[in-house]
């Protein structure tokens, strides 16, 4: 159902069962998939593609021009997967031609109230970003990550899968997979063991990750030396951790 007060550009393509609330504005070059609900007072600007089953709450701004001063009106994109929730006041910006011209959001994410995801970010799936998180441009996030409220992430940082940041964390360097962090600036505080249990990781896998954490943080090794040690441990979870270390361009939190 589309409310009579909603303003939808004729070129926008909405699946037949998309719900649009009052006073919402949907611009040209917007595509919205089946089962998506868009509440009142939402603004969606294209080029933007939104998948199926998403729920966008009131006063969210989706696909707006980015805040990068180098941006000069180029037709960059925002791509959003399925079953995401964008709570009140979220701002999700499109990409820039200085990167890959696209911001990408995966599926099954929860963006709580007033979360900001800047230009050219790549956010995976099954993540939770609590109220007022601010993700700067070009950040890459894996899957199954939890960011506590008011977490701020510096541009170009990489946040590994299954990691967790406490409330108010300021992330200035990369966070490896599985690592818990907190503080300004972020400091490591062990692995996200409870989260791993909830996601079905075996006791053996969690012990392997704990041993890997000690290699990285407790043995005084340089990062390349730690990676050499981890590559001797053959398991999928350690491979994921090793890959996240190799992907680091800013250096990891210490």
Protein backbone atom coordinates (compact mmCIF):
# COMPACT_ATOMS: atom_id res chain seq x y z
CA UNK A 1 0.00 0.00 0.00
CA UNK A 2 1.31 3.44 -0.96
CA UNK A 3 -0.04 6.38 1.01
CA UNK A 4 -1.65 9.11 -1.04
CA UNK A 5 0.69 11.78 0.35
CA UNK A 6 3.88 9.91 -0.66
CA UNK A 7 5.82 11.44 -3.56
CA UNK A 8 7.29 8.79 -5.85
CA UNK A 9 9.14 9.59 -9.06
CA UNK A 10 7.56 7.87 -12.08
CA UNK A 11 10.90 6.23 -12.95
CA UNK A 12 11.22 4.55 -9.52
CA UNK A 13 10.54 0.81 -9.63
CA UNK A 14 8.75 -0.63 -6.61
CA UNK A 15 7.57 -4.22 -6.29
CA UNK A 16 3.80 -4.55 -6.15
CA UNK A 17 3.67 -5.30 -2.42
CA UNK A 18 6.00 -2.53 -1.21
CA UNK A 19 4.46 -0.39 1.55
CA UNK A 20 5.17 3.36 1.58
CA UNK A 21 4.03 5.59 4.43
CA UNK A 22 2.83 9.20 4.38
CA UNK A 23 5.08 12.09 3.37
CA UNK A 24 7.83 9.78 2.12
CA UNK A 25 9.79 10.91 -0.95
CA UNK A 26 11.31 8.39 -3.39
CA UNK A 27 13.35 9.86 -6.22
CA UNK A 28 14.35 8.67 -9.68
CA UNK A 29 16.61 5.66 -10.26
CA UNK A 30 15.38 3.88 -7.13
CA UNK A 31 14.49 0.18 -7.12
CA UNK A 32 12.76 -1.44 -4.13
CA UNK A 33 12.24 -5.19 -3.78
CA UNK A 34 9.27 -7.24 -2.65
CA UNK A 35 8.08 -7.12 0.94
CA UNK A 36 9.93 -3.94 1.85
CA UNK A 37 8.18 -1.53 4.23
CA UNK A 38 9.01 2.16 4.13
CA UNK A 39 7.54 4.21 6.97
CA UNK A 40 6.54 7.88 6.95
CA UNK A 41 8.88 10.80 6.28
CA UNK A 42 11.60 8.72 4.62
CA UNK A 43 13.74 10.12 1.78
CA UNK A 44 15.28 7.71 -0.73
CA UNK A 45 17.47 9.06 -3.51
CA UNK A 46 19.01 7.14 -6.41
CA UNK A 47 20.74 5.48 -7.99
CA UNK A 48 19.78 3.07 -5.21
CA UNK A 49 18.75 -0.59 -5.28
CA UNK A 50 17.02 -1.99 -2.20
CA UNK A 51 16.37 -5.72 -1.95
CA UNK A 52 13.46 -7.66 -0.46
CA UNK A 53 12.05 -7.64 3.03
CA UNK A 54 13.74 -4.49 4.30
CA UNK A 55 12.11 -2.16 6.83
CA UNK A 56 13.00 1.53 6.78
CA UNK A 57 11.70 3.57 9.69
CA UNK A 58 10.69 7.22 9.77
CA UNK A 59 13.09 10.08 9.04
CA UNK A 60 15.74 7.82 7.52
CA UNK A 61 17.72 9.19 4.56
CA UNK A 62 18.77 6.46 2.17
CA UNK A 63 21.00 6.99 -0.88
CA UNK A 64 21.67 10.68 -0.41
CA UNK A 65 24.67 12.48 -1.91
CA UNK A 66 27.72 11.90 0.27
CA UNK A 67 29.42 14.51 2.45
CA UNK A 68 32.85 14.11 0.82
CA UNK A 69 33.90 17.54 -0.49
CA UNK A 70 35.36 15.86 -3.58
CA UNK A 71 31.90 14.67 -4.58
CA UNK A 72 30.62 16.65 -7.56
CA UNK A 73 27.22 15.19 -8.31
CA UNK A 74 28.35 12.01 -10.08
CA UNK A 75 25.68 9.26 -10.40
CA UNK A 76 27.17 6.86 -7.87
CA UNK A 77 25.23 3.97 -6.33
CA UNK A 78 23.90 2.47 -3.12
CA UNK A 79 23.21 -1.28 -3.10
CA UNK A 80 21.23 -2.80 -0.21
CA UNK A 81 20.53 -6.51 0.24
CA UNK A 82 17.57 -8.21 1.92
CA UNK A 83 15.91 -8.15 5.34
CA UNK A 84 17.76 -5.17 6.76
CA UNK A 85 16.23 -2.86 9.37
CA UNK A 86 17.04 0.85 9.30
CA UNK A 87 15.65 2.51 12.41
CA UNK A 88 14.73 6.14 12.90
CA UNK A 89 17.06 8.79 11.50
CA UNK A 90 19.58 6.51 9.77
CA UNK A 91 21.67 8.11 7.02
CA UNK A 92 23.17 5.83 4.37
CA UNK A 93 25.13 7.59 1.61
CA UNK A 94 26.07 6.58 -1.92
CA UNK A 95 29.68 6.11 -3.11
CA UNK A 96 32.22 8.34 -4.84
CA UNK A 97 34.15 8.00 -8.08
CA UNK A 98 37.36 8.20 -6.04
CA UNK A 99 36.61 4.63 -4.89
CA UNK A 100 34.34 2.09 -6.61
CA UNK A 101 31.39 4.51 -6.96
CA UNK A 102 29.21 2.37 -4.71
CA UNK A 103 28.25 1.85 -1.08
CA UNK A 104 27.22 -1.75 -0.37
CA UNK A 105 25.05 -3.06 2.47
CA UNK A 106 24.57 -6.83 2.79
CA UNK A 107 21.56 -8.60 4.31
CA UNK A 108 19.99 -9.16 7.74
CA UNK A 109 21.63 -6.15 9.36
CA UNK A 110 20.14 -4.00 12.12
CA UNK A 111 20.99 -0.32 11.99
CA UNK A 112 19.60 1.24 15.15
CA UNK A 113 18.48 4.87 15.48
CA UNK A 114 20.67 7.60 13.97
CA UNK A 115 23.36 5.30 12.57
CA UNK A 116 25.43 6.89 9.81
CA UNK A 117 27.14 4.85 7.07
CA UNK A 118 29.26 7.08 4.84
CA UNK A 119 30.25 6.85 1.19
CA UNK A 120 32.00 3.80 -0.28
CA UNK A 121 31.55 1.61 2.79
CA UNK A 122 31.09 -2.14 2.38
CA UNK A 123 29.02 -3.66 5.19
CA UNK A 124 28.54 -7.44 5.28
CA UNK A 125 25.59 -9.34 6.74
CA UNK A 126 24.09 -10.13 10.15
CA UNK A 127 25.65 -7.08 11.78
CA UNK A 128 24.20 -4.93 14.57
CA UNK A 129 25.11 -1.25 14.73
CA UNK A 130 23.63 0.25 17.89
CA UNK A 131 22.29 3.79 18.27
CA UNK A 132 24.39 6.69 16.95
CA UNK A 133 27.23 4.66 15.45
CA UNK A 134 29.15 6.70 12.89
CA UNK A 135 30.97 4.82 10.13
CA UNK A 136 33.26 7.03 8.04
CA UNK A 137 33.96 6.65 4.34
CA UNK A 138 35.61 3.60 2.75
CA UNK A 139 35.20 1.40 5.85
CA UNK A 140 34.88 -2.35 5.29
CA UNK A 141 32.93 -4.50 7.74
CA UNK A 142 32.64 -8.27 7.69
CA UNK A 143 29.74 -10.35 9.05
CA UNK A 144 28.27 -10.94 12.52
CA UNK A 145 29.79 -7.78 14.00
CA UNK A 146 28.32 -5.83 16.92
CA UNK A 147 29.15 -2.14 17.34
CA UNK A 148 28.01 -0.63 20.63
CA UNK A 149 26.22 2.71 20.74
CA UNK A 150 28.20 5.82 19.77
CA UNK A 151 31.01 3.77 18.21
CA UNK A 152 32.96 5.90 15.72
CA UNK A 153 35.03 4.29 12.96
CA UNK A 154 37.78 6.16 11.10
CA UNK A 155 37.78 6.12 7.31
CA UNK A 156 39.43 3.17 5.53
CA UNK A 157 39.35 0.94 8.62
CA UNK A 158 38.63 -2.79 8.25
CA UNK A 159 36.52 -4.52 10.91
CA UNK A 160 36.76 -8.31 10.89
CA UNK A 161 33.86 -10.73 11.17
CA UNK A 162 32.54 -11.81 14.60
CA UNK A 163 34.22 -8.89 16.34
CA UNK A 164 32.58 -6.62 18.89
CA UNK A 165 33.09 -3.01 20.01
CA UNK A 166 31.88 -1.67 23.33
CA UNK A 167 29.82 1.49 23.57
CA UNK A 168 31.66 4.70 22.75
CA UNK A 169 34.62 2.97 21.10
CA UNK A 170 36.74 5.07 18.74
CA UNK A 171 38.21 2.85 16.03
CA UNK A 172 41.35 4.32 14.44
CA UNK A 173 42.98 1.09 13.26
CA UNK A 174 41.78 -2.25 11.90
CA UNK A 175 40.06 -4.77 14.17
CA UNK A 176 40.87 -8.44 13.46
CA UNK A 177 38.12 -11.04 13.23
CA UNK A 178 36.76 -12.35 16.57
CA UNK A 179 38.35 -9.59 18.70
CA UNK A 180 36.49 -7.59 21.36
CA UNK A 181 37.56 -3.97 21.74
CA UNK A 182 36.71 -0.89 23.71
CA UNK A 183 38.03 2.58 24.47
CA UNK A 184 39.35 5.75 22.85
CA UNK A 185 41.23 4.66 20.91
CA UNK A 186 40.10 1.05 20.65
CA UNK A 187 42.11 -1.51 22.61
CA UNK A 188 41.77 -5.33 22.33
CA UNK A 189 40.09 -7.17 25.22
CA UNK A 190 40.14 -10.85 24.26
CA UNK A 191 37.87 -12.63 21.83
CA UNK A 192 34.10 -12.47 21.44
CA UNK A 193 33.66 -15.92 23.01
CA UNK A 194 30.04 -15.50 24.09
CA UNK A 195 29.02 -14.32 20.64
CA UNK A 196 30.78 -17.30 19.08
CA UNK A 197 28.93 -19.71 21.37
CA UNK A 198 25.63 -18.17 20.38
CA UNK A 199 26.51 -18.61 16.71
CA UNK A 200 27.28 -22.30 17.15
CA UNK A 201 31.08 -22.32 17.21
CA UNK A 202 32.39 -25.47 18.86
CA UNK A 203 34.43 -25.42 22.05
CA UNK A 204 37.42 -26.61 20.04
CA UNK A 205 37.05 -23.76 17.55
CA UNK A 206 36.80 -21.19 20.34
CA UNK A 207 39.92 -22.59 22.03
CA UNK A 208 41.77 -22.36 18.71
CA UNK A 209 40.78 -18.71 18.39
CA UNK A 210 41.91 -18.02 21.97
CA UNK A 211 45.30 -19.57 21.20
CA UNK A 212 45.54 -17.46 18.04
CA UNK A 213 44.70 -14.33 20.04
CA UNK A 214 47.60 -15.05 22.40
CA UNK A 215 49.95 -15.43 19.43
CA UNK A 216 48.90 -12.03 18.11
CA UNK A 217 48.73 -10.10 21.37
CA UNK A 218 50.65 -11.91 24.12
CA UNK A 219 53.93 -13.07 22.59
CA UNK A 220 55.44 -9.77 21.54
CA UNK A 221 55.47 -10.73 17.86
CA UNK A 222 55.33 -8.37 14.93
CA UNK A 223 52.24 -8.79 12.80
CA UNK A 224 54.00 -10.66 9.99
CA UNK A 225 55.59 -13.01 12.55
CA UNK A 226 52.19 -13.67 14.13
CA UNK A 227 50.72 -14.43 10.71
CA UNK A 228 53.48 -16.98 10.08
CA UNK A 229 52.56 -18.74 13.32
CA UNK A 230 48.84 -18.68 12.53
CA UNK A 231 49.40 -20.20 9.11
CA UNK A 232 50.63 -23.34 10.87
CA UNK A 233 47.17 -23.73 12.45
CA UNK A 234 44.83 -25.28 9.89
CA UNK A 235 41.18 -24.58 10.62
CA UNK A 236 38.48 -22.46 8.95
CA UNK A 237 38.21 -20.04 11.86
CA UNK A 238 41.97 -19.42 11.98
CA UNK A 239 42.00 -18.93 8.22
CA UNK A 240 39.30 -16.27 8.63
CA UNK A 241 41.36 -14.56 11.32
CA UNK A 242 44.54 -14.75 9.25
CA UNK A 243 42.76 -13.32 6.22
CA UNK A 244 41.51 -10.40 8.28
CA UNK A 245 45.05 -9.67 9.44
CA UNK A 246 46.37 -9.79 5.89
CA UNK A 247 43.62 -7.40 4.77
CA UNK A 248 44.77 -4.74 7.21
CA UNK A 249 46.10 -1.56 5.62
CA UNK A 250 46.10 0.75 8.66
CA UNK A 251 47.63 -1.70 11.13
CA UNK A 252 45.60 -3.54 13.77
CA UNK A 253 44.54 -2.31 17.19
CA UNK A 254 47.12 -3.13 19.87
